[in-house]
Amino acid sequence: MYALPRVTRPVLLGLCLALGGSSFAWSAAPDNAIPRSRSCDRACLYDVLDQYLSALNHKDPWSAPWAGNVRNSEKNVMLEVGDGLWGTLTRVGGYQLRLADPDSGQVAYFGNVDENGAVSPYVVRLKVEASRITEAETLVRRKADDANYMADPQFERKAILEEILPAATRPPRARLVSLADGYWDTLQLNDGTLFTQFDKDCDRVENGVQTTNNAAMAKQSFTMTLGCEEQFRLGNFRYDDRLRQRAYPLVDVERGIVLSRAFMDHAGRVGDYKLTDGREMTSRYRRPHSYYMLELFKMNAAGKIRQIEAVFMSVPYHTKSVWEN
């Protein structure tokens, strides 16, 4: 947390949490923040986001609508406003996906950014109070910073993520969070057991690369040619030891989308292992390693995960979130 020029020193804002349950997980799922009164509706939140992105594109941080007290991070490090990407950006790219949660005053943007010809996946989450930004969380997955880059990213619009669910059939906020938390439970120590539900057409995109139903990725692993549920039923991710510090700051109920922050730990102790069908695999993580990620889950009206999009980066093993005390 840093003092902004010409404004007062930032003050931490407390978030009230409520306990919630999940019919798909063994333990109660962490809940998202209790919704507050709607001081800024969807149109208002998108307007604040547009002002932020315009300021970023012009490398002019002070034209964004900041509050007097603000917390600002990039890649899980607290920075002064105007540092980091604000100084290196060439332009904000054309790929854009917007999410809004008027009840909690949160808005988010998945896109791409160009830094002197290097195009990277990008996500930003803003918290808004009285039409002013009080929090900004940025994650840029730069190829030059991370040796575990899978392939060159492809940024394609996905109409399914923009779909509005019929009001009468929308899963409630608590159910959406439960489904997302069940995904993390399924991924943690993945042994073939499911703690959430998947649509048969579920796909996942990670750092701009489709990692399900993708024949072009067969040489890297045959599992990338499979769907979401098939991968998990095989226990493909057995080496993912912990999915911790899970948070759900934004729930776009109209679209059935949950934005989650999480940290994934690999202890590095799993070497060779067998899938549930008996095929032998070898873990790519043979040293202590962690990922910091911002990941969205799109649910359909039936309460099943239909689309996943993630931006994540390597961090030192067991790195803690700067957004939690």
C-alpha atoms as a PDB file:
ATOM      1  CA  MET A   1       0.000   0.000   0.000  1.00  0.00           C
ATOM      2  CA  TYR A   2       1.480   3.312  -1.062  1.00  0.00           C
ATOM      3  CA  ALA A   3       0.787   7.008  -0.735  1.00  0.00           C
ATOM      4  CA  LEU A   4      -0.311   8.688  -3.928  1.00  0.00           C
ATOM      5  CA  PRO A   5       1.066  12.076  -4.894  1.00  0.00           C
ATOM      6  CA  ARG A   6      -1.398  14.860  -4.053  1.00  0.00           C
ATOM      7  CA  VAL A   7      -3.669  12.537  -2.070  1.00  0.00           C
ATOM      8  CA  THR A   8      -3.850  11.107   1.429  1.00  0.00           C
ATOM      9  CA  ARG A   9      -2.116   7.944   2.589  1.00  0.00           C
ATOM     10  CA  PRO A  10      -4.061   4.772   1.654  1.00  0.00           C
ATOM     11  CA  VAL A  11      -6.131   3.047   4.276  1.00  0.00           C
ATOM     12  CA  LEU A  12      -6.892  -0.664   4.182  1.00  0.00           C
ATOM     13  CA  LEU A  13     -10.508  -1.436   3.405  1.00  0.00           C
ATOM     14  CA  GLY A  14     -11.949  -4.420   5.276  1.00  0.00           C
ATOM     15  CA  LEU A  15     -14.064  -6.997   3.504  1.00  0.00           C
ATOM     16  CA  CYS A  16     -16.815  -8.868   5.307  1.00  0.00           C
ATOM     17  CA  LEU A  17     -16.957 -12.569   4.472  1.00  0.00           C
ATOM     18  CA  ALA A  18     -19.896 -14.926   4.762  1.00  0.00           C
ATOM     19  CA  LEU A  19     -19.669 -18.714   4.992  1.00  0.00           C
ATOM     20  CA  GLY A  20     -21.174 -20.671   2.137  1.00  0.00           C
ATOM     21  CA  GLY A  21     -21.602 -24.355   1.338  1.00  0.00           C
ATOM     22  CA  SER A  22     -21.145 -26.539  -1.696  1.00  0.00           C
ATOM     23  CA  SER A  23     -22.911 -29.748  -2.569  1.00  0.00           C
ATOM     24  CA  PHE A  24     -19.913 -30.765  -4.676  1.00  0.00           C
ATOM     25  CA  ALA A  25     -17.039 -30.141  -2.218  1.00  0.00           C
ATOM     26  CA  TRP A  26     -16.207 -32.008   0.969  1.00  0.00           C
ATOM     27  CA  SER A  27     -15.783 -28.792   2.931  1.00  0.00           C
ATOM     28  CA  ALA A  28     -17.559 -25.459   2.946  1.00  0.00           C
ATOM     29  CA  ALA A  29     -16.472 -23.240   0.074  1.00  0.00           C
ATOM     30  CA  PRO A  30     -14.954 -19.829   0.846  1.00  0.00           C
ATOM     31  CA  ASP A  31     -17.559 -17.229   0.008  1.00  0.00           C
ATOM     32  CA  ASN A  32     -17.143 -13.957  -1.846  1.00  0.00           C
ATOM     33  CA  ALA A  33     -17.613 -10.601  -0.182  1.00  0.00           C
ATOM     34  CA  ILE A  34     -21.113  -9.818   1.059  1.00  0.00           C
ATOM     35  CA  PRO A  35     -22.765  -7.656  -1.630  1.00  0.00           C
ATOM     36  CA  ARG A  36     -23.012  -3.982  -0.767  1.00  0.00           C
ATOM     37  CA  SER A  37     -25.589  -1.490  -1.926  1.00  0.00           C
ATOM     38  CA  ARG A  38     -25.332  -0.672  -5.603  1.00  0.00           C
ATOM     39  CA  SER A  39     -23.713   2.748  -5.693  1.00  0.00           C
ATOM     40  CA  CYS A  40     -22.409   2.027  -9.207  1.00  0.00           C
ATOM     41  CA  ASP A  41     -24.417  -0.109 -11.665  1.00  0.00           C
ATOM     42  CA  ARG A  42     -23.006  -2.098 -14.595  1.00  0.00           C
ATOM     43  CA  ALA A  43     -22.932   0.908 -16.923  1.00  0.00           C
ATOM     44  CA  CYS A  44     -21.194   2.968 -14.263  1.00  0.00           C
ATOM     45  CA  LEU A  45     -18.591   0.255 -13.633  1.00  0.00           C
ATOM     46  CA  TYR A  46     -17.884  -0.084 -17.354  1.00  0.00           C
ATOM     47  CA  ASP A  47     -17.502   3.684 -17.596  1.00  0.00           C
ATOM     48  CA  VAL A  48     -14.889   3.662 -14.816  1.00  0.00           C
ATOM     49  CA  LEU A  49     -13.124   0.772 -16.564  1.00  0.00           C
ATOM     50  CA  ASP A  50     -13.127   2.691 -19.862  1.00  0.00           C
ATOM     51  CA  GLN A  51     -11.585   5.695 -18.146  1.00  0.00           C
ATOM     52  CA  TYR A  52      -8.914   3.466 -16.598  1.00  0.00           C
ATOM     53  CA  LEU A  53      -8.053   1.771 -19.909  1.00  0.00           C
ATOM     54  CA  SER A  54      -7.956   5.117 -21.732  1.00  0.00           C
ATOM     55  CA  ALA A  55      -5.585   6.484 -19.087  1.00  0.00           C
ATOM     56  CA  LEU A  56      -3.408   3.367 -19.399  1.00  0.00           C
ATOM     57  CA  ASN A  57      -3.379   3.577 -23.181  1.00  0.00           C
ATOM     58  CA  HIS A  58      -2.213   7.199 -22.956  1.00  0.00           C
ATOM     59  CA  LYS A  59       0.269   6.360 -20.154  1.00  0.00           C
ATOM     60  CA  ASP A  60      -1.394   9.072 -18.100  1.00  0.00           C
ATOM     61  CA  PRO A  61      -2.320   7.514 -14.744  1.00  0.00           C
ATOM     62  CA  TRP A  62      -3.655  10.750 -13.287  1.00  0.00           C
ATOM     63  CA  SER A  63      -6.475  10.918 -15.818  1.00  0.00           C
ATOM     64  CA  ALA A  64      -8.006   7.785 -14.269  1.00  0.00           C
ATOM     65  CA  PRO A  65     -10.677   8.276 -11.593  1.00  0.00           C
ATOM     66  CA  TRP A  66      -8.691   7.247  -8.515  1.00  0.00           C
ATOM     67  CA  ALA A  67     -10.061   7.514  -5.006  1.00  0.00           C
ATOM     68  CA  GLY A  68      -8.060   9.326  -2.355  1.00  0.00           C
ATOM     69  CA  ASN A  69      -7.073   5.979  -0.841  1.00  0.00           C
ATOM     70  CA  VAL A  70      -6.039   3.223  -3.246  1.00  0.00           C
ATOM     71  CA  ARG A  71      -4.241  -0.110  -3.289  1.00  0.00           C
ATOM     72  CA  ASN A  72      -2.513  -1.028  -6.550  1.00  0.00           C
ATOM     73  CA  SER A  73      -0.674  -4.221  -7.467  1.00  0.00           C
ATOM     74  CA  GLU A  74       0.999  -5.688 -10.531  1.00  0.00           C
ATOM     75  CA  LYS A  75       1.995  -9.365 -10.632  1.00  0.00           C
ATOM     76  CA  ASN A  76       1.221  -9.694  -6.908  1.00  0.00           C
ATOM     77  CA  VAL A  77       3.505  -6.824  -5.883  1.00  0.00           C
ATOM     78  CA  MET A  78       2.149  -3.585  -4.470  1.00  0.00           C
ATOM     79  CA  LEU A  79       3.264  -0.638  -6.611  1.00  0.00           C
ATOM     80  CA  GLU A  80       2.721   3.078  -6.684  1.00  0.00           C
ATOM     81  CA  VAL A  81       0.118   4.112  -9.217  1.00  0.00           C
ATOM     82  CA  GLY A  82       1.849   4.848 -12.532  1.00  0.00           C
ATOM     83  CA  ASP A  83       4.660   2.318 -12.072  1.00  0.00           C
ATOM     84  CA  GLY A  84       5.070  -0.998 -13.921  1.00  0.00           C
ATOM     85  CA  LEU A  85       2.993  -1.435 -17.084  1.00  0.00           C
ATOM     86  CA  TRP A  86       2.081   2.264 -17.094  1.00  0.00           C
ATOM     87  CA  GLY A  87       5.663   3.060 -18.132  1.00  0.00           C
ATOM     88  CA  THR A  88       6.252   0.287 -20.689  1.00  0.00           C
ATOM     89  CA  LEU A  89       2.942  -0.070 -22.537  1.00  0.00           C
ATOM     90  CA  THR A  90       2.867   0.575 -26.271  1.00  0.00           C
ATOM     91  CA  ARG A  91      -0.880   0.024 -26.590  1.00  0.00           C
ATOM     92  CA  VAL A  92      -3.808  -1.886 -25.135  1.00  0.00           C
ATOM     93  CA  GLY A  93      -4.658  -4.717 -27.551  1.00  0.00           C
ATOM     94  CA  GLY A  94      -7.923  -5.397 -29.321  1.00  0.00           C
ATOM     95  CA  TYR A  95      -8.991  -8.479 -27.372  1.00  0.00           C
ATOM     96  CA  GLN A  96     -11.357  -7.520 -24.570  1.00  0.00           C
ATOM     97  CA  LEU A  97     -13.729  -9.259 -22.210  1.00  0.00           C
ATOM     98  CA  ARG A  98     -15.551  -7.230 -19.554  1.00  0.00           C
ATOM     99  CA  LEU A  99     -17.136  -8.496 -16.344  1.00  0.00           C
ATOM    100  CA  ALA A 100     -19.070  -6.539 -13.756  1.00  0.00           C
ATOM    101  CA  ASP A 101     -20.469  -7.147 -10.282  1.00  0.00           C
ATOM    102  CA  PRO A 102     -22.554  -4.143  -9.188  1.00  0.00           C
ATOM    103  CA  ASP A 103     -23.319  -5.741  -5.811  1.00  0.00           C
ATOM    104  CA  SER A 104     -19.664  -5.781  -4.740  1.00  0.00           C
ATOM    105  CA  GLY A 105     -18.558  -2.781  -6.827  1.00  0.00           C
ATOM    106  CA  GLN A 106     -16.065  -4.798  -8.876  1.00  0.00           C
ATOM    107  CA  VAL A 107     -15.244  -4.720 -12.585  1.00  0.00           C
ATOM    108  CA  ALA A 108     -12.646  -6.755 -14.499  1.00  0.00           C
ATOM    109  CA  TYR A 109     -11.107  -6.911 -17.956  1.00  0.00           C
ATOM    110  CA  PHE A 110      -9.357  -9.779 -19.747  1.00  0.00           C
ATOM    111  CA  GLY A 111      -7.353  -8.605 -22.753  1.00  0.00           C
ATOM    112  CA  ASN A 112      -3.870  -8.249 -24.173  1.00  0.00           C
ATOM    113  CA  VAL A 113      -1.184  -5.582 -24.102  1.00  0.00           C
ATOM    114  CA  ASP A 114       1.643  -4.685 -26.472  1.00  0.00           C
ATOM    115  CA  GLU A 115       4.985  -3.660 -24.996  1.00  0.00           C
ATOM    116  CA  ASN A 116       7.329  -2.752 -27.849  1.00  0.00           C
ATOM    117  CA  GLY A 117       6.050  -5.592 -30.032  1.00  0.00           C
ATOM    118  CA  ALA A 118       5.787  -8.205 -27.278  1.00  0.00           C
ATOM    119  CA  VAL A 119       2.089  -9.056 -26.889  1.00  0.00           C
ATOM    120  CA  SER A 120       1.029 -10.556 -23.563  1.00  0.00           C
ATOM    121  CA  PRO A 121      -2.157 -11.788 -21.887  1.00  0.00           C
ATOM    122  CA  TYR A 122      -3.450  -9.181 -19.442  1.00  0.00           C
ATOM    123  CA  VAL A 123      -6.130  -8.959 -16.783  1.00  0.00           C
ATOM    124  CA  VAL A 124      -7.083  -6.149 -14.436  1.00  0.00           C
ATOM    125  CA  ARG A 125      -9.576  -6.113 -11.568  1.00  0.00           C
ATOM    126  CA  LEU A 126     -10.861  -2.806 -10.215  1.00  0.00           C
ATOM    127  CA  LYS A 127     -12.836  -2.103  -7.088  1.00  0.00           C
ATOM    128  CA  VAL A 128     -15.020   0.990  -7.366  1.00  0.00           C
ATOM    129  CA  GLU A 129     -16.651   3.110  -4.669  1.00  0.00           C
ATOM    130  CA  ALA A 130     -18.560   6.292  -5.449  1.00  0.00           C
ATOM    131  CA  SER A 131     -17.341   5.994  -9.073  1.00  0.00           C
ATOM    132  CA  ARG A 132     -13.716   6.067  -7.885  1.00  0.00           C
ATOM    133  CA  ILE A 133     -11.110   3.293  -8.040  1.00  0.00           C
ATOM    134  CA  THR A 134     -10.036   2.053  -4.608  1.00  0.00           C
ATOM    135  CA  GLU A 135      -8.271  -1.141  -5.761  1.00  0.00           C
ATOM    136  CA  ALA A 136      -6.449  -2.140  -8.944  1.00  0.00           C
ATOM    137  CA  GLU A 137      -5.032  -5.655  -9.375  1.00  0.00           C
ATOM    138  CA  THR A 138      -3.076  -6.269 -12.578  1.00  0.00           C
ATOM    139  CA  LEU A 139      -1.559  -9.455 -13.972  1.00  0.00           C
ATOM    140  CA  VAL A 140       0.535  -9.472 -17.174  1.00  0.00           C
ATOM    141  CA  ARG A 141       1.941 -12.825 -18.338  1.00  0.00           C
ATOM    142  CA  ARG A 142       5.113 -11.792 -20.173  1.00  0.00           C
ATOM    143  CA  LYS A 143       6.842 -14.532 -22.152  1.00  0.00           C
ATOM    144  CA  ALA A 144      10.278 -13.109 -21.365  1.00  0.00           C
ATOM    145  CA  ASP A 145       9.622 -13.439 -17.625  1.00  0.00           C
ATOM    146  CA  ASP A 146       8.459 -17.051 -17.533  1.00  0.00           C
ATOM    147  CA  ALA A 147      10.217 -20.097 -18.993  1.00  0.00           C
ATOM    148  CA  ASN A 148       7.065 -22.215 -18.669  1.00  0.00           C
ATOM    149  CA  TYR A 149       5.312 -20.510 -21.569  1.00  0.00           C
ATOM    150  CA  MET A 150       3.236 -23.115 -23.408  1.00  0.00           C
ATOM    151  CA  ALA A 151       2.872 -21.543 -26.852  1.00  0.00           C
ATOM    152  CA  ASP A 152       2.283 -18.192 -28.508  1.00  0.00           C
ATOM    153  CA  PRO A 153      -1.043 -16.807 -27.280  1.00  0.00           C
ATOM    154  CA  GLN A 154      -4.041 -16.456 -29.565  1.00  0.00           C
ATOM    155  CA  PHE A 155      -6.647 -13.892 -28.609  1.00  0.00           C
ATOM    156  CA  GLU A 156     -10.079 -14.772 -29.940  1.00  0.00           C
ATOM    157  CA  ARG A 157     -13.483 -13.459 -28.905  1.00  0.00           C
ATOM    158  CA  LYS A 158     -15.688 -16.104 -27.264  1.00  0.00           C
ATOM    159  CA  ALA A 159     -19.378 -15.368 -27.628  1.00  0.00           C
ATOM    160  CA  ILE A 160     -20.248 -17.822 -24.854  1.00  0.00           C
ATOM    161  CA  LEU A 161     -18.558 -15.535 -22.303  1.00  0.00           C
ATOM    162  CA  GLU A 162     -20.807 -12.635 -23.308  1.00  0.00           C
ATOM    163  CA  GLU A 163     -24.027 -14.642 -23.063  1.00  0.00           C
ATOM    164  CA  ILE A 164     -26.623 -13.340 -20.586  1.00  0.00           C
ATOM    165  CA  LEU A 165     -28.361 -16.139 -18.692  1.00  0.00           C
ATOM    166  CA  PRO A 166     -32.192 -16.035 -18.527  1.00  0.00           C
ATOM    167  CA  ALA A 167     -33.172 -14.382 -15.253  1.00  0.00           C
ATOM    168  CA  ALA A 168     -35.443 -17.264 -14.245  1.00  0.00           C
ATOM    169  CA  THR A 169     -32.703 -19.881 -14.583  1.00  0.00           C
ATOM    170  CA  ARG A 170     -29.614 -18.058 -13.304  1.00  0.00           C
ATOM    171  CA  PRO A 171     -27.737 -19.936 -10.585  1.00  0.00           C
ATOM    172  CA  PRO A 172     -27.541 -17.729  -7.474  1.00  0.00           C
ATOM    173  CA  ARG A 173     -24.297 -16.079  -6.404  1.00  0.00           C
ATOM    174  CA  ALA A 174     -23.517 -18.639  -3.703  1.00  0.00           C
ATOM    175  CA  ARG A 175     -24.000 -21.551  -6.123  1.00  0.00           C
ATOM    176  CA  LEU A 176     -21.716 -19.945  -8.718  1.00  0.00           C
ATOM    177  CA  VAL A 177     -18.976 -19.519  -6.106  1.00  0.00           C
ATOM    178  CA  SER A 178     -19.496 -23.100  -4.946  1.00  0.00           C
ATOM    179  CA  LEU A 179     -19.018 -24.424  -8.499  1.00  0.00           C
ATOM    180  CA  ALA A 180     -15.814 -22.394  -8.927  1.00  0.00           C
ATOM    181  CA  ASP A 181     -14.443 -23.556  -5.588  1.00  0.00           C
ATOM    182  CA  GLY A 182     -15.321 -27.116  -6.548  1.00  0.00           C
ATOM    183  CA  TYR A 183     -13.116 -26.686  -9.606  1.00  0.00           C
ATOM    184  CA  TRP A 184     -10.144 -25.840  -7.381  1.00  0.00           C
ATOM    185  CA  ASP A 185     -10.962 -28.836  -5.159  1.00  0.00           C
ATOM    186  CA  THR A 186     -11.031 -31.057  -8.258  1.00  0.00           C
ATOM    187  CA  LEU A 187      -7.672 -29.702  -9.449  1.00  0.00           C
ATOM    188  CA  GLN A 188      -6.007 -30.069  -6.053  1.00  0.00           C
ATOM    189  CA  LEU A 189      -4.383 -33.533  -5.782  1.00  0.00           C
ATOM    190  CA  ASN A 190      -6.401 -34.515  -8.850  1.00  0.00           C
ATOM    191  CA  ASP A 191      -7.088 -38.257  -8.659  1.00  0.00           C
ATOM    192  CA  GLY A 192     -10.098 -38.526 -10.939  1.00  0.00           C
ATOM    193  CA  THR A 193     -12.698 -37.373  -8.420  1.00  0.00           C
ATOM    194  CA  LEU A 194     -14.924 -34.449  -9.427  1.00  0.00           C
ATOM    195  CA  PHE A 195     -16.116 -31.835  -6.925  1.00  0.00           C
ATOM    196  CA  THR A 196     -17.882 -29.671  -9.496  1.00  0.00           C
ATOM    197  CA  GLN A 197     -19.865 -30.185 -12.707  1.00  0.00           C
ATOM    198  CA  PHE A 198     -18.765 -29.644 -16.313  1.00  0.00           C
ATOM    199  CA  ASP A 199     -20.777 -28.994 -19.448  1.00  0.00           C
ATOM    200  CA  LYS A 200     -19.929 -31.517 -22.177  1.00  0.00           C
ATOM    201  CA  ASP A 201     -18.672 -28.630 -24.372  1.00  0.00           C
ATOM    202  CA  CYS A 202     -16.467 -27.091 -21.662  1.00  0.00           C
ATOM    203  CA  ASP A 203     -13.212 -25.570 -22.896  1.00  0.00           C
ATOM    204  CA  ARG A 204     -10.311 -23.904 -21.112  1.00  0.00           C
ATOM    205  CA  VAL A 205      -7.961 -21.168 -22.348  1.00  0.00           C
ATOM    206  CA  GLU A 206      -4.771 -20.491 -20.373  1.00  0.00           C
ATOM    207  CA  ASN A 207      -2.586 -17.487 -21.153  1.00  0.00           C
ATOM    208  CA  GLY A 208      -4.141 -17.296 -24.602  1.00  0.00           C
ATOM    209  CA  VAL A 209      -3.677 -21.009 -25.380  1.00  0.00           C
ATOM    210  CA  GLN A 210      -6.582 -23.462 -25.581  1.00  0.00           C
ATOM    211  CA  THR A 211      -5.613 -26.428 -23.417  1.00  0.00           C
ATOM    212  CA  THR A 212      -8.675 -28.612 -24.033  1.00  0.00           C
ATOM    213  CA  ASN A 213      -9.996 -30.149 -27.269  1.00  0.00           C
ATOM    214  CA  ASN A 214      -6.928 -28.825 -29.078  1.00  0.00           C
ATOM    215  CA  ALA A 215      -5.482 -31.268 -31.625  1.00  0.00           C
ATOM    216  CA  ALA A 216      -2.613 -28.875 -32.355  1.00  0.00           C
ATOM    217  CA  MET A 217      -1.304 -29.437 -28.803  1.00  0.00           C
ATOM    218  CA  ALA A 218      -1.197 -33.236 -29.089  1.00  0.00           C
ATOM    219  CA  LYS A 219       2.610 -33.330 -29.351  1.00  0.00           C
ATOM    220  CA  GLN A 220       2.904 -31.548 -26.023  1.00  0.00           C
ATOM    221  CA  SER A 221       0.405 -33.897 -24.354  1.00  0.00           C
ATOM    222  CA  PHE A 222      -2.408 -36.069 -25.644  1.00  0.00           C
ATOM    223  CA  THR A 223      -4.490 -34.860 -22.691  1.00  0.00           C
ATOM    224  CA  MET A 224      -4.817 -31.430 -24.333  1.00  0.00           C
ATOM    225  CA  THR A 225      -6.946 -33.048 -27.034  1.00  0.00           C
ATOM    226  CA  LEU A 226      -9.503 -34.007 -24.377  1.00  0.00           C
ATOM    227  CA  GLY A 227     -12.361 -32.029 -22.814  1.00  0.00           C
ATOM    228  CA  CYS A 228     -12.415 -30.520 -19.323  1.00  0.00           C
ATOM    229  CA  GLU A 229     -14.141 -33.403 -17.574  1.00  0.00           C
ATOM    230  CA  GLU A 230     -12.136 -36.085 -19.397  1.00  0.00           C
ATOM    231  CA  GLN A 231      -8.850 -34.544 -18.268  1.00  0.00           C
ATOM    232  CA  PHE A 232      -9.942 -34.450 -14.638  1.00  0.00           C
ATOM    233  CA  ARG A 233     -11.440 -37.947 -14.611  1.00  0.00           C
ATOM    234  CA  LEU A 234      -8.064 -39.264 -15.787  1.00  0.00           C
ATOM    235  CA  GLY A 235      -6.327 -37.598 -12.825  1.00  0.00           C
ATOM    236  CA  ASN A 236      -4.099 -35.733 -15.258  1.00  0.00           C
ATOM    237  CA  PHE A 237      -3.156 -33.012 -12.759  1.00  0.00           C
ATOM    238  CA  ARG A 238      -2.031 -35.282  -9.934  1.00  0.00           C
ATOM    239  CA  TYR A 239       1.014 -33.055  -9.323  1.00  0.00           C
ATOM    240  CA  ASP A 240      -1.041 -30.003  -8.259  1.00  0.00           C
ATOM    241  CA  ASP A 241      -0.559 -30.218  -4.495  1.00  0.00           C
ATOM    242  CA  ARG A 242      -2.383 -27.147  -3.181  1.00  0.00           C
ATOM    243  CA  LEU A 243      -4.880 -24.580  -4.446  1.00  0.00           C
ATOM    244  CA  ARG A 244      -4.778 -22.009  -1.694  1.00  0.00           C
ATOM    245  CA  GLN A 245      -5.722 -18.436  -0.815  1.00  0.00           C
ATOM    246  CA  ARG A 246      -8.758 -18.799  -3.020  1.00  0.00           C
ATOM    247  CA  ALA A 247     -10.828 -15.645  -3.339  1.00  0.00           C
ATOM    248  CA  TYR A 248     -13.884 -14.712  -5.388  1.00  0.00           C
ATOM    249  CA  PRO A 249     -13.938 -10.911  -5.579  1.00  0.00           C
ATOM    250  CA  LEU A 250     -16.263 -10.633  -8.582  1.00  0.00           C
ATOM    251  CA  VAL A 251     -19.407 -12.608  -9.438  1.00  0.00           C
ATOM    252  CA  ASP A 252     -21.207 -11.537 -12.617  1.00  0.00           C
ATOM    253  CA  VAL A 253     -24.542 -13.204 -11.879  1.00  0.00           C
ATOM    254  CA  GLU A 254     -26.179 -12.051 -15.136  1.00  0.00           C
ATOM    255  CA  ARG A 255     -23.546 -13.872 -17.178  1.00  0.00           C
ATOM    256  CA  GLY A 256     -22.989 -16.719 -14.741  1.00  0.00           C
ATOM    257  CA  ILE A 257     -19.278 -15.888 -14.384  1.00  0.00           C
ATOM    258  CA  VAL A 258     -17.043 -16.008 -11.315  1.00  0.00           C
ATOM    259  CA  LEU A 259     -13.621 -14.334 -11.220  1.00  0.00           C
ATOM    260  CA  SER A 260     -11.287 -16.111  -8.828  1.00  0.00           C
ATOM    261  CA  ARG A 261      -7.813 -15.441  -7.516  1.00  0.00           C
ATOM    262  CA  ALA A 262      -5.781 -18.449  -6.367  1.00  0.00           C
ATOM    263  CA  PHE A 263      -2.253 -19.737  -5.820  1.00  0.00           C
ATOM    264  CA  MET A 264      -1.254 -23.206  -7.015  1.00  0.00           C
ATOM    265  CA  ASP A 265       1.645 -25.028  -5.356  1.00  0.00           C
ATOM    266  CA  HIS A 266       3.749 -27.860  -6.760  1.00  0.00           C
ATOM    267  CA  ALA A 267       5.878 -29.523  -4.101  1.00  0.00           C
ATOM    268  CA  GLY A 268       7.858 -31.214  -6.886  1.00  0.00           C
ATOM    269  CA  ARG A 269       7.713 -34.651  -5.247  1.00  0.00           C
ATOM    270  CA  VAL A 270       5.455 -36.307  -7.812  1.00  0.00           C
ATOM    271  CA  GLY A 271       7.544 -37.811 -10.621  1.00  0.00           C
ATOM    272  CA  ASP A 272       6.087 -40.678 -12.619  1.00  0.00           C
ATOM    273  CA  TYR A 273       2.413 -41.396 -12.002  1.00  0.00           C
ATOM    274  CA  LYS A 274      -0.441 -43.311 -13.594  1.00  0.00           C
ATOM    275  CA  LEU A 275      -3.676 -41.962 -14.973  1.00  0.00           C
ATOM    276  CA  THR A 276      -6.891 -43.616 -13.862  1.00  0.00           C
ATOM    277  CA  ASP A 277      -6.881 -45.650 -17.106  1.00  0.00           C
ATOM    278  CA  GLY A 278      -3.411 -47.016 -16.317  1.00  0.00           C
ATOM    279  CA  ARG A 279      -1.389 -44.904 -18.731  1.00  0.00           C
ATOM    280  CA  GLU A 280       1.916 -43.628 -17.358  1.00  0.00           C
ATOM    281  CA  MET A 281       2.754 -39.934 -17.139  1.00  0.00           C
ATOM    282  CA  THR A 282       5.649 -37.826 -15.876  1.00  0.00           C
ATOM    283  CA  SER A 283       5.188 -34.573 -14.013  1.00  0.00           C
ATOM    284  CA  ARG A 284       6.773 -31.460 -15.520  1.00  0.00           C
ATOM    285  CA  TYR A 285       7.201 -29.943 -12.038  1.00  0.00           C
ATOM    286  CA  ARG A 286      10.214 -31.507 -10.305  1.00  0.00           C
ATOM    287  CA  ARG A 287      11.083 -28.594  -8.050  1.00  0.00           C
ATOM    288  CA  PRO A 288       9.090 -26.476  -5.577  1.00  0.00           C
ATOM    289  CA  HIS A 289       7.056 -24.081  -7.702  1.00  0.00           C
ATOM    290  CA  SER A 290       3.913 -21.932  -7.527  1.00  0.00           C
ATOM    291  CA  TYR A 291       1.543 -20.070  -9.836  1.00  0.00           C
ATOM    292  CA  TYR A 292      -0.398 -16.891  -9.111  1.00  0.00           C
ATOM    293  CA  MET A 293      -3.571 -16.797 -11.200  1.00  0.00           C
ATOM    294  CA  LEU A 294      -6.678 -14.838 -12.022  1.00  0.00           C
ATOM    295  CA  GLU A 295      -9.179 -17.240 -13.552  1.00  0.00           C
ATOM    296  CA  LEU A 296     -12.797 -16.938 -14.630  1.00  0.00           C
ATOM    297  CA  PHE A 297     -15.428 -19.658 -14.734  1.00  0.00           C
ATOM    298  CA  LYS A 298     -18.491 -19.352 -16.953  1.00  0.00           C
ATOM    299  CA  MET A 299     -21.454 -21.463 -15.828  1.00  0.00           C
ATOM    300  CA  ASN A 300     -24.516 -22.339 -17.882  1.00  0.00           C
ATOM    301  CA  ALA A 301     -28.120 -22.192 -16.664  1.00  0.00           C
ATOM    302  CA  ALA A 302     -27.880 -25.849 -15.607  1.00  0.00           C
ATOM    303  CA  GLY A 303     -25.138 -25.001 -13.125  1.00  0.00           C
ATOM    304  CA  LYS A 304     -22.239 -26.560 -15.042  1.00  0.00           C
ATOM    305  CA  ILE A 305     -18.896 -25.028 -15.999  1.00  0.00           C
ATOM    306  CA  ARG A 306     -19.004 -24.161 -19.698  1.00  0.00           C
ATOM    307  CA  GLN A 307     -15.861 -22.068 -20.291  1.00  0.00           C
ATOM    308  CA  ILE A 308     -12.686 -21.268 -18.373  1.00  0.00           C
ATOM    309  CA  GLU A 309     -10.196 -18.492 -19.048  1.00  0.00           C
ATOM    310  CA  ALA A 310      -7.033 -17.997 -17.016  1.00  0.00           C
ATOM    311  CA  VAL A 311      -4.026 -15.717 -16.851  1.00  0.00           C
ATOM    312  CA  PHE A 312      -1.282 -16.963 -14.550  1.00  0.00           C
ATOM    313  CA  MET A 313       2.431 -16.617 -13.902  1.00  0.00           C
ATOM    314  CA  SER A 314       5.199 -18.401 -12.016  1.00  0.00           C
ATOM    315  CA  VAL A 315       6.102 -17.030  -8.576  1.00  0.00           C
ATOM    316  CA  PRO A 316       8.468 -18.261  -5.856  1.00  0.00           C
ATOM    317  CA  TYR A 317       7.227 -21.354  -4.073  1.00  0.00           C
ATOM    318  CA  HIS A 318       4.456 -20.647  -1.587  1.00  0.00           C
ATOM    319  CA  THR A 319       4.271 -16.932  -2.359  1.00  0.00           C
ATOM    320  CA  LYS A 320       1.469 -15.271  -0.391  1.00  0.00           C
ATOM    321  CA  SER A 321      -1.183 -12.966  -1.827  1.00  0.00           C
ATOM    322  CA  VAL A 322      -0.628  -9.255  -1.235  1.00  0.00           C
ATOM    323  CA  TRP A 323      -4.419  -8.903  -1.157  1.00  0.00           C
ATOM    324  CA  GLU A 324      -4.794 -10.839   2.087  1.00  0.00           C
ATOM    325  CA  ASN A 325      -3.610  -9.750   5.509  1.00  0.00           C
END
